[in-house]
Amino acid sequence: MTNWAFEDSNLKTVSDALDIAEDKIGDFYKFSFGQWKRHRYDVKTLSYLSDNEITSYAFALLNKCSGAAHGFESKTRERDFYFICLQDHQILKAMKRDNNLKLLPLLVYVFTHELVHIVRFCNFFQRFEIGGQGKESEERLVHATTYEILNDLALPNLDYILESYHGHRICDMVAS
């Protein structure tokens, strides 16, 4: 089965959604620019994902990598880095199934959700490697936080997203 990937025209929307989500997260957590730099992450779209980063049941997969900081050999200087792996095919399939879903507000929600996870992991509010009830509790908390962060954002069709995906799990986490 061929997976649909974002077209070049969609990549501007991906960038805009990430900017909005970063601004809202920064405002919510009252981050300075320097504080944001401690939260190391990047975004990959389907065209750049490896096979183990592709899923058929989520809009994004959060992948954690660890490595030594440049110039340091000590384990104490090891830094975590996160990849938000967008599942273009899942997002586009959902939009095709539901005409009320629009790409920008959906991506704002997805990015905000994933960035809340990253903030929680980087600040040791939650361990990345959790399962079972702990993972379900984390998802409920992150969805509630995402809703709180975005609830007052004036963005067309965002209210539909907030209501449609309130309490719905759309994230998976893997360590590599």
C-alpha atoms as a PDB file:
ATOM      1  CA  MET A   1       0.000   0.000   0.000  1.00  0.00           C
ATOM      2  CA  THR A   2       1.322   3.432  -0.942  1.00  0.00           C
ATOM      3  CA  ASN A   3       1.287   6.070   1.774  1.00  0.00           C
ATOM      4  CA  TRP A   4       0.251   9.591   0.845  1.00  0.00           C
ATOM      5  CA  ALA A   5       2.882  12.164   1.722  1.00  0.00           C
ATOM      6  CA  PHE A   6       2.478  15.896   2.090  1.00  0.00           C
ATOM      7  CA  GLU A   7       2.966  17.824  -1.120  1.00  0.00           C
ATOM      8  CA  ASP A   8       5.392  20.729  -1.265  1.00  0.00           C
ATOM      9  CA  SER A   9       2.444  23.115  -0.921  1.00  0.00           C
ATOM     10  CA  ASN A  10       1.598  21.521   2.462  1.00  0.00           C
ATOM     11  CA  LEU A  11       5.073  22.116   3.918  1.00  0.00           C
ATOM     12  CA  LYS A  12       4.416  25.842   4.434  1.00  0.00           C
ATOM     13  CA  THR A  13       1.355  24.889   6.485  1.00  0.00           C
ATOM     14  CA  VAL A  14       3.488  22.435   8.492  1.00  0.00           C
ATOM     15  CA  SER A  15       5.949  25.254   9.234  1.00  0.00           C
ATOM     16  CA  ASP A  16       3.185  27.717  10.130  1.00  0.00           C
ATOM     17  CA  ALA A  17       1.520  25.193  12.454  1.00  0.00           C
ATOM     18  CA  LEU A  18       4.809  24.523  14.233  1.00  0.00           C
ATOM     19  CA  ASP A  19       5.381  28.266  14.703  1.00  0.00           C
ATOM     20  CA  ILE A  20       1.913  28.696  16.218  1.00  0.00           C
ATOM     21  CA  ALA A  21       2.350  25.676  18.508  1.00  0.00           C
ATOM     22  CA  GLU A  22       5.792  26.842  19.677  1.00  0.00           C
ATOM     23  CA  ASP A  23       4.419  30.313  20.453  1.00  0.00           C
ATOM     24  CA  LYS A  24       1.483  28.910  22.414  1.00  0.00           C
ATOM     25  CA  ILE A  25       3.711  26.471  24.343  1.00  0.00           C
ATOM     26  CA  GLY A  26       6.230  29.242  25.076  1.00  0.00           C
ATOM     27  CA  ASP A  27       3.475  31.507  26.374  1.00  0.00           C
ATOM     28  CA  PHE A  28       1.907  28.747  28.463  1.00  0.00           C
ATOM     29  CA  TYR A  29       5.152  27.662  30.107  1.00  0.00           C
ATOM     30  CA  LYS A  30       6.594  31.206  30.069  1.00  0.00           C
ATOM     31  CA  PHE A  31       9.740  30.105  28.219  1.00  0.00           C
ATOM     32  CA  SER A  32      12.450  32.491  27.148  1.00  0.00           C
ATOM     33  CA  PHE A  33      14.337  31.816  23.926  1.00  0.00           C
ATOM     34  CA  GLY A  34      17.160  30.289  25.974  1.00  0.00           C
ATOM     35  CA  GLN A  35      14.777  27.947  27.761  1.00  0.00           C
ATOM     36  CA  TRP A  36      13.404  26.761  24.429  1.00  0.00           C
ATOM     37  CA  LYS A  37      16.933  25.726  23.376  1.00  0.00           C
ATOM     38  CA  ARG A  38      16.997  23.117  26.174  1.00  0.00           C
ATOM     39  CA  HIS A  39      14.118  21.316  24.455  1.00  0.00           C
ATOM     40  CA  ARG A  40      15.930  19.717  21.549  1.00  0.00           C
ATOM     41  CA  TYR A  41      13.654  18.418  18.789  1.00  0.00           C
ATOM     42  CA  ASP A  42      13.056  18.415  15.078  1.00  0.00           C
ATOM     43  CA  VAL A  43      10.180  17.490  12.781  1.00  0.00           C
ATOM     44  CA  LYS A  44      10.207  14.836  10.086  1.00  0.00           C
ATOM     45  CA  THR A  45       7.496  14.282   7.496  1.00  0.00           C
ATOM     46  CA  LEU A  46       6.708  10.927   5.901  1.00  0.00           C
ATOM     47  CA  SER A  47       9.245  11.385   3.087  1.00  0.00           C
ATOM     48  CA  TYR A  48      12.055  11.406   5.667  1.00  0.00           C
ATOM     49  CA  LEU A  49      10.849   8.686   8.022  1.00  0.00           C
ATOM     50  CA  SER A  50      12.470   5.271   8.350  1.00  0.00           C
ATOM     51  CA  ASP A  51      10.237   2.186   8.380  1.00  0.00           C
ATOM     52  CA  ASN A  52      10.254   1.971  12.205  1.00  0.00           C
ATOM     53  CA  GLU A  53       9.015   5.579  12.409  1.00  0.00           C
ATOM     54  CA  ILE A  54       5.889   4.929  10.353  1.00  0.00           C
ATOM     55  CA  THR A  55       2.653   3.902  12.033  1.00  0.00           C
ATOM     56  CA  SER A  56      -0.886   3.327  10.856  1.00  0.00           C
ATOM     57  CA  TYR A  57      -2.684   4.444  14.026  1.00  0.00           C
ATOM     58  CA  ALA A  58      -1.412   7.904  14.998  1.00  0.00           C
ATOM     59  CA  PHE A  59      -0.998  11.375  13.539  1.00  0.00           C
ATOM     60  CA  ALA A  60       2.507  11.642  14.976  1.00  0.00           C
ATOM     61  CA  LEU A  61       5.063   9.390  16.541  1.00  0.00           C
ATOM     62  CA  LEU A  62       7.498  10.832  19.058  1.00  0.00           C
ATOM     63  CA  ASN A  63      10.954   9.316  18.730  1.00  0.00           C
ATOM     64  CA  LYS A  64      13.673   9.834  21.334  1.00  0.00           C
ATOM     65  CA  CYS A  65      17.371   9.598  20.596  1.00  0.00           C
ATOM     66  CA  SER A  66      20.191  10.042  23.075  1.00  0.00           C
ATOM     67  CA  GLY A  67      23.761  11.021  22.423  1.00  0.00           C
ATOM     68  CA  ALA A  68      26.748  12.672  23.983  1.00  0.00           C
ATOM     69  CA  ALA A  69      26.925  16.433  23.729  1.00  0.00           C
ATOM     70  CA  HIS A  70      29.528  17.528  21.197  1.00  0.00           C
ATOM     71  CA  GLY A  71      32.988  17.532  22.759  1.00  0.00           C
ATOM     72  CA  PHE A  72      32.035  15.519  25.871  1.00  0.00           C
ATOM     73  CA  GLU A  73      32.614  11.813  26.432  1.00  0.00           C
ATOM     74  CA  SER A  74      31.021  11.570  29.877  1.00  0.00           C
ATOM     75  CA  LYS A  75      27.600   9.892  30.208  1.00  0.00           C
ATOM     76  CA  THR A  76      26.541  12.802  32.407  1.00  0.00           C
ATOM     77  CA  ARG A  77      26.694  15.071  29.349  1.00  0.00           C
ATOM     78  CA  GLU A  78      24.426  12.834  27.274  1.00  0.00           C
ATOM     79  CA  ARG A  79      21.549  14.806  25.757  1.00  0.00           C
ATOM     80  CA  ASP A  80      18.155  13.651  24.617  1.00  0.00           C
ATOM     81  CA  PHE A  81      16.863  14.686  21.223  1.00  0.00           C
ATOM     82  CA  TYR A  82      13.300  14.169  20.028  1.00  0.00           C
ATOM     83  CA  PHE A  83      11.846  13.788  16.569  1.00  0.00           C
ATOM     84  CA  ILE A  84       8.207  14.576  15.932  1.00  0.00           C
ATOM     85  CA  CYS A  85       7.526  12.111  13.125  1.00  0.00           C
ATOM     86  CA  LEU A  86       4.444  13.354  11.312  1.00  0.00           C
ATOM     87  CA  GLN A  87       2.346  10.624   9.791  1.00  0.00           C
ATOM     88  CA  ASP A  88       1.304  12.474   6.639  1.00  0.00           C
ATOM     89  CA  HIS A  89      -0.700   9.513   5.366  1.00  0.00           C
ATOM     90  CA  GLN A  90      -2.781   9.311   8.564  1.00  0.00           C
ATOM     91  CA  ILE A  91      -3.401  13.059   8.639  1.00  0.00           C
ATOM     92  CA  LEU A  92      -4.401  13.183   4.966  1.00  0.00           C
ATOM     93  CA  LYS A  93      -6.594  10.087   5.350  1.00  0.00           C
ATOM     94  CA  ALA A  94      -8.427  11.690   8.300  1.00  0.00           C
ATOM     95  CA  MET A  95      -8.943  14.895   6.314  1.00  0.00           C
ATOM     96  CA  LYS A  96     -10.330  12.943   3.377  1.00  0.00           C
ATOM     97  CA  ARG A  97     -12.703  11.081   5.724  1.00  0.00           C
ATOM     98  CA  ASP A  98     -13.879  14.264   7.511  1.00  0.00           C
ATOM     99  CA  ASN A  99     -14.279  17.442   5.451  1.00  0.00           C
ATOM    100  CA  ASN A 100     -14.469  19.545   8.619  1.00  0.00           C
ATOM    101  CA  LEU A 101     -10.812  18.783   9.391  1.00  0.00           C
ATOM    102  CA  LYS A 102      -8.449  21.406   8.032  1.00  0.00           C
ATOM    103  CA  LEU A 103      -4.696  20.945   7.833  1.00  0.00           C
ATOM    104  CA  LEU A 104      -3.520  24.023   9.770  1.00  0.00           C
ATOM    105  CA  PRO A 105      -5.643  23.591  12.906  1.00  0.00           C
ATOM    106  CA  LEU A 106      -5.102  19.832  12.930  1.00  0.00           C
ATOM    107  CA  LEU A 107      -1.321  20.272  12.736  1.00  0.00           C
ATOM    108  CA  VAL A 108      -1.406  22.987  15.407  1.00  0.00           C
ATOM    109  CA  TYR A 109      -3.139  20.500  17.694  1.00  0.00           C
ATOM    110  CA  VAL A 110      -0.732  17.663  16.840  1.00  0.00           C
ATOM    111  CA  PHE A 111       2.378  19.828  17.307  1.00  0.00           C
ATOM    112  CA  THR A 112       1.091  21.339  20.546  1.00  0.00           C
ATOM    113  CA  HIS A 113       0.347  17.865  21.879  1.00  0.00           C
ATOM    114  CA  GLU A 114       3.805  16.550  20.963  1.00  0.00           C
ATOM    115  CA  LEU A 115       5.573  19.647  22.307  1.00  0.00           C
ATOM    116  CA  VAL A 116       3.777  19.259  25.643  1.00  0.00           C
ATOM    117  CA  HIS A 117       5.189  15.731  25.806  1.00  0.00           C
ATOM    118  CA  ILE A 118       8.674  17.002  24.974  1.00  0.00           C
ATOM    119  CA  VAL A 119       8.493  19.721  27.632  1.00  0.00           C
ATOM    120  CA  ARG A 120       7.345  17.170  30.195  1.00  0.00           C
ATOM    121  CA  PHE A 121      10.144  14.741  29.294  1.00  0.00           C
ATOM    122  CA  CYS A 122      12.889  17.383  29.139  1.00  0.00           C
ATOM    123  CA  ASN A 123      11.856  18.827  32.504  1.00  0.00           C
ATOM    124  CA  PHE A 124      11.562  15.392  34.134  1.00  0.00           C
ATOM    125  CA  PHE A 125       7.827  15.710  34.821  1.00  0.00           C
ATOM    126  CA  GLN A 126       7.462  12.319  33.156  1.00  0.00           C
ATOM    127  CA  ARG A 127       9.797   9.567  31.982  1.00  0.00           C
ATOM    128  CA  PHE A 128       9.734   8.790  28.278  1.00  0.00           C
ATOM    129  CA  GLU A 129       9.802   5.041  28.866  1.00  0.00           C
ATOM    130  CA  ILE A 130       6.399   4.351  30.396  1.00  0.00           C
ATOM    131  CA  GLY A 131       3.702   1.854  29.595  1.00  0.00           C
ATOM    132  CA  GLY A 132       0.278   0.621  30.606  1.00  0.00           C
ATOM    133  CA  GLN A 133      -1.665   2.816  33.015  1.00  0.00           C
ATOM    134  CA  GLY A 134       1.192   5.330  33.220  1.00  0.00           C
ATOM    135  CA  LYS A 135       1.072   5.913  29.469  1.00  0.00           C
ATOM    136  CA  GLU A 136      -2.707   6.264  29.496  1.00  0.00           C
ATOM    137  CA  SER A 137      -2.522   8.755  32.373  1.00  0.00           C
ATOM    138  CA  GLU A 138       0.168  10.726  30.554  1.00  0.00           C
ATOM    139  CA  GLU A 139      -1.950  10.876  27.399  1.00  0.00           C
ATOM    140  CA  ARG A 140      -5.008  12.110  29.320  1.00  0.00           C
ATOM    141  CA  LEU A 141      -2.914  14.791  31.045  1.00  0.00           C
ATOM    142  CA  VAL A 142      -1.266  15.897  27.783  1.00  0.00           C
ATOM    143  CA  HIS A 143      -4.611  16.072  25.973  1.00  0.00           C
ATOM    144  CA  ALA A 144      -6.039  18.161  28.812  1.00  0.00           C
ATOM    145  CA  THR A 145      -2.991  20.462  28.741  1.00  0.00           C
ATOM    146  CA  THR A 146      -3.173  20.752  24.952  1.00  0.00           C
ATOM    147  CA  TYR A 147      -6.834  21.732  25.217  1.00  0.00           C
ATOM    148  CA  GLU A 148      -6.010  24.309  27.915  1.00  0.00           C
ATOM    149  CA  ILE A 149      -3.226  25.818  25.784  1.00  0.00           C
ATOM    150  CA  LEU A 150      -5.271  26.032  22.573  1.00  0.00           C
ATOM    151  CA  ASN A 151      -8.760  26.693  23.904  1.00  0.00           C
ATOM    152  CA  ASP A 152      -8.489  30.484  23.516  1.00  0.00           C
ATOM    153  CA  LEU A 153      -6.650  30.482  20.157  1.00  0.00           C
ATOM    154  CA  ALA A 154      -8.685  32.188  17.436  1.00  0.00           C
ATOM    155  CA  LEU A 155      -8.026  29.852  14.524  1.00  0.00           C
ATOM    156  CA  PRO A 156     -10.755  28.755  12.098  1.00  0.00           C
ATOM    157  CA  ASN A 157     -11.864  25.143  12.618  1.00  0.00           C
ATOM    158  CA  LEU A 158      -9.706  24.676  15.728  1.00  0.00           C
ATOM    159  CA  ASP A 159     -12.794  24.395  17.925  1.00  0.00           C
ATOM    160  CA  TYR A 160     -13.875  21.409  15.806  1.00  0.00           C
ATOM    161  CA  ILE A 161     -10.479  19.770  16.337  1.00  0.00           C
ATOM    162  CA  LEU A 162     -10.560  20.424  20.084  1.00  0.00           C
ATOM    163  CA  GLU A 163     -13.973  18.826  20.399  1.00  0.00           C
ATOM    164  CA  SER A 164     -13.296  15.962  17.991  1.00  0.00           C
ATOM    165  CA  TYR A 165     -10.043  14.875  19.570  1.00  0.00           C
ATOM    166  CA  HIS A 166     -10.667  15.726  23.205  1.00  0.00           C
ATOM    167  CA  GLY A 167      -9.603  12.638  25.107  1.00  0.00           C
ATOM    168  CA  HIS A 168      -8.555  10.806  21.967  1.00  0.00           C
ATOM    169  CA  ARG A 169      -5.069   9.276  21.807  1.00  0.00           C
ATOM    170  CA  ILE A 170      -3.091  10.295  18.726  1.00  0.00           C
ATOM    171  CA  CYS A 171       0.486   9.853  19.901  1.00  0.00           C
ATOM    172  CA  ASP A 172       2.818   6.907  20.192  1.00  0.00           C
ATOM    173  CA  MET A 173       6.318   6.952  21.665  1.00  0.00           C
ATOM    174  CA  VAL A 174       9.370   4.855  20.853  1.00  0.00           C
ATOM    175  CA  ALA A 175      12.966   5.032  22.040  1.00  0.00           C
ATOM    176  CA  SER A 176      15.857   4.427  19.668  1.00  0.00           C
END
